[in-house]
């Protein structure tokens, strides 16, 4: 069955860091792109980072550039999101997602572009 599981969320003070992990089965990780999204209470889900699994090409939303880093470990079928200099406005449920679209690296980080989703992990910054 499809398996995409996030971990690493938690509570942190402003200025702190967290590293999120997304463990996928091999079929999911062979997707062309892995993305990280977040959804705060009362807000729509937004894309924050994307990595093209073939080359490691990355893209970030303006709100997280310079603070977040997305990476991958193909041998472990795992994607990561290193989150630094966290602020209260970063508080959200963070979701890992996968896209099999061949041109996903050229597309915006939009939820409708991604077909597989994890259940999310809570990040709270105070």
N, C-alpha and C. Protein backbone atom coordinates (compact mmCIF):
# COMPACT_ATOMS: atom_id res chain seq x y z
N UNK A 1 0.82 -1.18 0.00
CA UNK A 1 0.00 0.00 0.00
C UNK A 1 0.87 1.25 0.00
N UNK A 2 0.25 2.37 -0.34
CA UNK A 2 0.96 3.64 -0.35
C UNK A 2 1.34 4.02 1.07
N UNK A 3 2.60 4.39 1.26
CA UNK A 3 3.08 4.77 2.58
C UNK A 3 3.92 6.04 2.47
N UNK A 4 3.52 7.06 3.18
CA UNK A 4 4.23 8.33 3.21
C UNK A 4 4.03 8.88 4.62
N UNK A 5 5.07 8.85 5.43
CA UNK A 5 4.94 9.13 6.86
C UNK A 5 5.91 10.21 7.28
N UNK A 6 5.37 11.29 7.87
CA UNK A 6 6.18 12.38 8.38
C UNK A 6 6.53 12.15 9.85
N UNK A 7 7.66 12.73 10.26
CA UNK A 7 8.04 12.73 11.65
C UNK A 7 8.94 13.93 11.91
N UNK A 8 9.17 14.24 13.18
CA UNK A 8 10.09 15.29 13.55
C UNK A 8 9.45 16.59 14.01
N UNK A 9 8.13 16.67 13.95
CA UNK A 9 7.46 17.87 14.43
C UNK A 9 7.53 17.99 15.93
N UNK A 10 7.14 19.16 16.42
CA UNK A 10 7.15 19.40 17.85
C UNK A 10 7.02 20.87 18.15
N UNK A 11 7.29 21.23 19.40
CA UNK A 11 7.21 22.61 19.86
C UNK A 11 8.61 23.17 20.05
N UNK A 12 8.80 24.41 19.61
CA UNK A 12 10.10 25.05 19.70
C UNK A 12 9.91 26.54 19.93
N UNK A 13 10.86 27.16 20.61
CA UNK A 13 10.83 28.60 20.81
C UNK A 13 11.26 29.34 19.55
N UNK A 14 10.79 30.57 19.40
CA UNK A 14 11.18 31.38 18.25
C UNK A 14 12.70 31.43 18.13
N UNK A 15 13.19 31.27 16.90
CA UNK A 15 14.61 31.22 16.65
C UNK A 15 15.19 29.83 16.64
N UNK A 16 14.41 28.85 17.05
CA UNK A 16 14.88 27.49 17.11
C UNK A 16 14.78 26.77 15.79
N UNK A 17 15.14 25.48 15.82
CA UNK A 17 15.19 24.66 14.61
C UNK A 17 14.52 23.32 14.83
N UNK A 18 14.04 22.75 13.74
CA UNK A 18 13.52 21.40 13.71
C UNK A 18 13.89 20.77 12.38
N UNK A 19 14.01 19.45 12.35
CA UNK A 19 14.19 18.74 11.11
C UNK A 19 13.06 17.73 10.94
N UNK A 20 12.31 17.88 9.87
CA UNK A 20 11.24 16.97 9.55
C UNK A 20 11.74 15.89 8.60
N UNK A 21 11.21 14.69 8.75
CA UNK A 21 11.54 13.58 7.88
C UNK A 21 10.28 13.05 7.22
N UNK A 22 10.42 12.57 6.00
CA UNK A 22 9.32 11.96 5.26
C UNK A 22 9.82 10.63 4.72
N UNK A 23 9.37 9.56 5.34
CA UNK A 23 9.75 8.22 4.93
C UNK A 23 8.71 7.68 3.96
N UNK A 24 9.15 7.26 2.78
CA UNK A 24 8.26 6.78 1.74
C UNK A 24 8.63 5.37 1.33
N UNK A 25 7.65 4.64 0.81
CA UNK A 25 8.00 3.38 0.19
C UNK A 25 8.67 3.66 -1.15
N UNK A 26 9.31 2.66 -1.72
CA UNK A 26 10.11 2.87 -2.92
C UNK A 26 9.31 3.40 -4.08
N UNK A 27 8.09 2.94 -4.25
CA UNK A 27 7.28 3.38 -5.37
C UNK A 27 6.92 4.85 -5.27
N UNK A 28 6.68 5.32 -4.05
CA UNK A 28 6.37 6.73 -3.85
C UNK A 28 7.62 7.58 -4.05
N UNK A 29 8.74 7.15 -3.50
CA UNK A 29 9.95 7.94 -3.60
C UNK A 29 10.48 8.01 -5.01
N UNK A 30 10.08 7.07 -5.86
CA UNK A 30 10.47 7.15 -7.27
C UNK A 30 9.68 8.22 -8.01
N UNK A 31 8.73 8.86 -7.35
CA UNK A 31 8.03 9.99 -7.92
C UNK A 31 9.02 11.08 -8.32
N UNK A 32 8.64 11.90 -9.26
CA UNK A 32 9.56 12.90 -9.78
C UNK A 32 9.87 14.02 -8.79
N UNK A 33 8.90 14.37 -7.97
CA UNK A 33 9.09 15.44 -6.99
C UNK A 33 8.55 15.04 -5.63
N UNK A 34 9.27 15.45 -4.60
CA UNK A 34 8.79 15.39 -3.24
C UNK A 34 8.63 16.83 -2.75
N UNK A 35 7.51 17.11 -2.12
CA UNK A 35 7.24 18.45 -1.66
C UNK A 35 6.86 18.49 -0.20
N UNK A 36 7.11 19.64 0.41
CA UNK A 36 6.65 19.93 1.76
C UNK A 36 5.64 21.07 1.71
N UNK A 37 4.53 20.88 2.39
CA UNK A 37 3.46 21.86 2.48
C UNK A 37 3.15 22.12 3.94
N UNK A 38 2.46 23.22 4.20
CA UNK A 38 2.01 23.49 5.56
C UNK A 38 0.63 24.12 5.53
N UNK A 39 -0.10 23.91 6.60
CA UNK A 39 -1.44 24.48 6.73
C UNK A 39 -1.64 24.96 8.16
N UNK A 40 -1.80 26.26 8.30
CA UNK A 40 -2.08 26.86 9.60
C UNK A 40 -3.59 26.93 9.81
N UNK A 41 -4.03 27.01 11.07
CA UNK A 41 -5.47 27.09 11.33
C UNK A 41 -6.12 28.25 10.58
N UNK A 42 -7.21 27.95 9.88
CA UNK A 42 -7.95 28.97 9.15
C UNK A 42 -7.34 29.39 7.84
N UNK A 43 -6.23 28.77 7.43
CA UNK A 43 -5.57 29.13 6.18
C UNK A 43 -5.52 27.95 5.22
N UNK A 44 -5.34 28.25 3.95
CA UNK A 44 -5.21 27.21 2.94
C UNK A 44 -3.83 26.58 3.01
N UNK A 45 -3.76 25.35 2.53
CA UNK A 45 -2.49 24.66 2.47
C UNK A 45 -1.58 25.33 1.45
N UNK A 46 -0.33 25.56 1.84
CA UNK A 46 0.61 26.22 0.96
C UNK A 46 1.89 25.40 0.82
N UNK A 47 2.48 25.44 -0.36
CA UNK A 47 3.74 24.77 -0.58
C UNK A 47 4.90 25.59 -0.04
N UNK A 48 5.86 24.94 0.59
CA UNK A 48 7.02 25.63 1.12
C UNK A 48 8.32 25.20 0.46
N UNK A 49 8.40 23.97 -0.03
CA UNK A 49 9.64 23.50 -0.64
C UNK A 49 9.37 22.29 -1.52
N UNK A 50 10.23 22.10 -2.51
CA UNK A 50 10.10 20.98 -3.43
C UNK A 50 11.48 20.52 -3.86
N UNK A 51 11.65 19.23 -4.04
CA UNK A 51 12.89 18.69 -4.58
C UNK A 51 12.57 17.73 -5.72
N UNK A 52 13.29 17.85 -6.81
CA UNK A 52 13.16 16.93 -7.94
C UNK A 52 14.08 15.75 -7.65
N UNK A 53 13.49 14.57 -7.53
CA UNK A 53 14.25 13.43 -7.04
C UNK A 53 15.33 12.97 -8.01
N UNK A 54 15.18 13.26 -9.29
CA UNK A 54 16.16 12.82 -10.26
C UNK A 54 17.49 13.53 -10.15
N UNK A 55 17.47 14.82 -9.90
CA UNK A 55 18.69 15.62 -9.91
C UNK A 55 18.98 16.31 -8.59
N UNK A 56 17.99 16.40 -7.71
CA UNK A 56 18.16 17.15 -6.48
C UNK A 56 17.85 18.62 -6.62
N UNK A 57 17.38 19.05 -7.78
CA UNK A 57 16.97 20.43 -7.96
C UNK A 57 15.92 20.81 -6.94
N UNK A 58 16.05 22.00 -6.34
CA UNK A 58 15.15 22.43 -5.28
C UNK A 58 14.49 23.76 -5.60
N UNK A 59 13.38 24.00 -4.93
CA UNK A 59 12.65 25.25 -5.03
C UNK A 59 12.04 25.55 -3.67
N UNK A 60 12.01 26.84 -3.31
CA UNK A 60 11.46 27.26 -2.03
C UNK A 60 10.50 28.42 -2.19
N UNK A 61 9.48 28.43 -1.35
CA UNK A 61 8.62 29.60 -1.27
C UNK A 61 9.41 30.77 -0.71
N UNK A 62 9.03 31.98 -1.12
CA UNK A 62 9.75 33.16 -0.65
C UNK A 62 9.76 33.27 0.87
N UNK A 63 8.70 32.82 1.50
CA UNK A 63 8.58 32.97 2.94
C UNK A 63 9.60 32.14 3.73
N UNK A 64 10.19 31.13 3.10
CA UNK A 64 11.12 30.26 3.82
C UNK A 64 12.52 30.25 3.22
N UNK A 65 12.75 30.97 2.14
CA UNK A 65 14.07 31.01 1.53
C UNK A 65 15.12 31.48 2.54
N UNK A 66 16.23 30.77 2.57
CA UNK A 66 17.30 31.11 3.48
C UNK A 66 17.15 30.52 4.86
N UNK A 67 15.97 29.97 5.17
CA UNK A 67 15.73 29.38 6.49
C UNK A 67 15.48 27.88 6.43
N UNK A 68 14.85 27.41 5.37
CA UNK A 68 14.52 26.00 5.22
C UNK A 68 15.40 25.37 4.15
N UNK A 69 15.72 24.10 4.33
CA UNK A 69 16.47 23.35 3.34
C UNK A 69 15.82 21.98 3.15
N UNK A 70 15.47 21.66 1.91
CA UNK A 70 14.92 20.35 1.59
C UNK A 70 16.04 19.49 1.02
N UNK A 71 16.04 18.22 1.38
CA UNK A 71 17.07 17.30 0.91
C UNK A 71 16.47 15.90 0.80
N UNK A 72 17.26 14.98 0.25
CA UNK A 72 16.78 13.63 0.07
C UNK A 72 17.91 12.64 0.30
N UNK A 73 17.53 11.43 0.69
CA UNK A 73 18.44 10.31 0.81
C UNK A 73 17.78 9.16 0.06
N UNK A 74 18.23 8.93 -1.16
CA UNK A 74 17.59 7.93 -2.00
C UNK A 74 17.70 6.52 -1.42
N UNK A 75 18.83 6.22 -0.79
CA UNK A 75 19.03 4.90 -0.22
C UNK A 75 18.03 4.62 0.89
N UNK A 76 17.62 5.65 1.61
CA UNK A 76 16.68 5.50 2.72
C UNK A 76 15.24 5.82 2.32
N UNK A 77 15.01 6.17 1.07
CA UNK A 77 13.68 6.57 0.60
C UNK A 77 13.09 7.64 1.51
N UNK A 78 13.89 8.63 1.82
CA UNK A 78 13.49 9.65 2.78
C UNK A 78 13.80 11.05 2.27
N UNK A 79 12.86 11.95 2.47
CA UNK A 79 13.07 13.37 2.23
C UNK A 79 13.08 14.10 3.56
N UNK A 80 13.81 15.20 3.62
CA UNK A 80 13.96 15.95 4.85
C UNK A 80 13.63 17.42 4.63
N UNK A 81 13.23 18.08 5.69
CA UNK A 81 13.07 19.52 5.69
C UNK A 81 13.73 20.07 6.94
N UNK A 82 14.88 20.71 6.77
CA UNK A 82 15.56 21.38 7.87
C UNK A 82 15.00 22.78 8.00
N UNK A 83 14.49 23.11 9.17
CA UNK A 83 13.81 24.37 9.42
C UNK A 83 14.58 25.14 10.48
N UNK A 84 15.15 26.27 10.10
CA UNK A 84 15.92 27.11 11.00
C UNK A 84 15.25 28.46 11.19
N UNK A 85 15.67 29.16 12.23
CA UNK A 85 15.16 30.50 12.52
C UNK A 85 13.63 30.53 12.52
N UNK A 86 13.04 29.56 13.16
CA UNK A 86 11.59 29.44 13.16
C UNK A 86 10.92 30.60 13.90
N UNK A 87 9.79 31.02 13.38
CA UNK A 87 9.01 32.10 13.93
C UNK A 87 7.58 31.63 14.19
N UNK A 88 6.84 32.34 15.05
CA UNK A 88 5.46 31.90 15.34
C UNK A 88 4.61 31.73 14.08
N UNK A 89 4.82 32.54 13.06
CA UNK A 89 4.04 32.41 11.84
C UNK A 89 4.34 31.14 11.05
N UNK A 90 5.38 30.41 11.44
CA UNK A 90 5.67 29.12 10.83
C UNK A 90 4.83 27.99 11.45
N UNK A 91 4.10 28.30 12.50
CA UNK A 91 3.27 27.29 13.16
C UNK A 91 2.23 26.75 12.18
N UNK A 92 2.18 25.44 12.03
CA UNK A 92 1.27 24.80 11.09
C UNK A 92 1.42 23.30 11.20
N UNK A 93 0.50 22.60 10.57
CA UNK A 93 0.71 21.18 10.30
C UNK A 93 1.48 21.08 9.00
N UNK A 94 2.59 20.37 9.03
CA UNK A 94 3.43 20.21 7.85
C UNK A 94 3.19 18.85 7.22
N UNK A 95 3.01 18.85 5.90
CA UNK A 95 2.70 17.65 5.15
C UNK A 95 3.77 17.37 4.11
N UNK A 96 4.11 16.12 3.97
CA UNK A 96 4.95 15.64 2.88
C UNK A 96 4.05 15.14 1.75
N UNK A 97 4.45 15.38 0.52
CA UNK A 97 3.66 14.96 -0.63
C UNK A 97 4.58 14.55 -1.78
N UNK A 98 4.02 13.78 -2.71
CA UNK A 98 4.77 13.29 -3.86
C UNK A 98 4.00 13.53 -5.15
N UNK A 99 4.73 13.85 -6.21
CA UNK A 99 4.15 14.05 -7.53
C UNK A 99 4.89 13.20 -8.55
N UNK A 100 4.15 12.55 -9.41
CA UNK A 100 4.75 11.77 -10.48
C UNK A 100 4.74 12.50 -11.82
N UNK A 101 4.34 13.75 -11.84
CA UNK A 101 4.33 14.51 -13.08
C UNK A 101 5.75 14.73 -13.56
N UNK A 102 5.99 14.41 -14.84
CA UNK A 102 7.35 14.43 -15.37
C UNK A 102 7.95 15.83 -15.35
N UNK A 103 7.12 16.85 -15.43
CA UNK A 103 7.60 18.22 -15.44
C UNK A 103 7.33 18.93 -14.11
N UNK A 104 7.24 18.16 -13.03
CA UNK A 104 6.90 18.73 -11.73
C UNK A 104 7.90 19.79 -11.28
N UNK A 105 9.15 19.67 -11.69
CA UNK A 105 10.16 20.64 -11.27
C UNK A 105 9.93 22.01 -11.89
N UNK A 106 9.13 22.07 -12.95
CA UNK A 106 8.83 23.32 -13.62
C UNK A 106 7.49 23.91 -13.18
N UNK A 107 6.78 23.20 -12.34
CA UNK A 107 5.46 23.62 -11.90
C UNK A 107 5.51 24.29 -10.53
N UNK A 108 4.50 25.09 -10.21
CA UNK A 108 4.46 25.68 -8.87
C UNK A 108 4.24 24.61 -7.81
N UNK A 109 4.61 24.93 -6.59
CA UNK A 109 4.41 24.00 -5.48
C UNK A 109 2.97 24.18 -5.00
N UNK A 110 2.05 23.57 -5.73
CA UNK A 110 0.63 23.70 -5.44
C UNK A 110 0.07 22.34 -5.05
N UNK A 111 -0.84 22.31 -4.08
CA UNK A 111 -1.39 21.02 -3.63
C UNK A 111 -1.98 20.17 -4.75
N UNK A 112 -2.63 20.80 -5.73
CA UNK A 112 -3.28 20.02 -6.79
C UNK A 112 -2.29 19.33 -7.71
N UNK A 113 -1.01 19.69 -7.63
CA UNK A 113 0.02 19.04 -8.44
C UNK A 113 0.54 17.76 -7.80
N UNK A 114 0.12 17.47 -6.58
CA UNK A 114 0.66 16.34 -5.82
C UNK A 114 -0.43 15.34 -5.50
N UNK A 115 -0.17 14.07 -5.79
CA UNK A 115 -1.19 13.05 -5.67
C UNK A 115 -1.10 12.17 -4.45
N UNK A 116 0.02 12.20 -3.75
CA UNK A 116 0.22 11.36 -2.58
C UNK A 116 0.59 12.23 -1.39
N UNK A 117 -0.01 11.94 -0.24
CA UNK A 117 0.15 12.78 0.94
C UNK A 117 0.35 11.96 2.21
N UNK A 118 1.18 12.47 3.10
CA UNK A 118 1.26 11.94 4.44
C UNK A 118 0.17 12.54 5.30
N UNK A 119 0.14 12.13 6.57
CA UNK A 119 -0.90 12.57 7.49
C UNK A 119 -0.56 13.88 8.20
N UNK A 120 0.66 14.33 8.09
CA UNK A 120 1.06 15.60 8.66
C UNK A 120 1.71 15.46 10.02
N UNK A 121 2.52 16.46 10.36
CA UNK A 121 3.15 16.54 11.66
C UNK A 121 3.08 17.99 12.15
N UNK A 122 2.71 18.17 13.41
CA UNK A 122 2.48 19.50 13.95
C UNK A 122 3.80 20.18 14.30
N UNK A 123 3.93 21.43 13.86
CA UNK A 123 5.05 22.28 14.25
C UNK A 123 4.47 23.51 14.94
N UNK A 124 4.88 23.74 16.18
CA UNK A 124 4.39 24.87 16.95
C UNK A 124 5.58 25.71 17.40
N UNK A 125 5.57 26.98 17.05
CA UNK A 125 6.65 27.91 17.38
C UNK A 125 6.09 29.00 18.27
N UNK A 126 6.68 29.16 19.44
CA UNK A 126 6.25 30.18 20.38
C UNK A 126 7.42 31.00 20.92
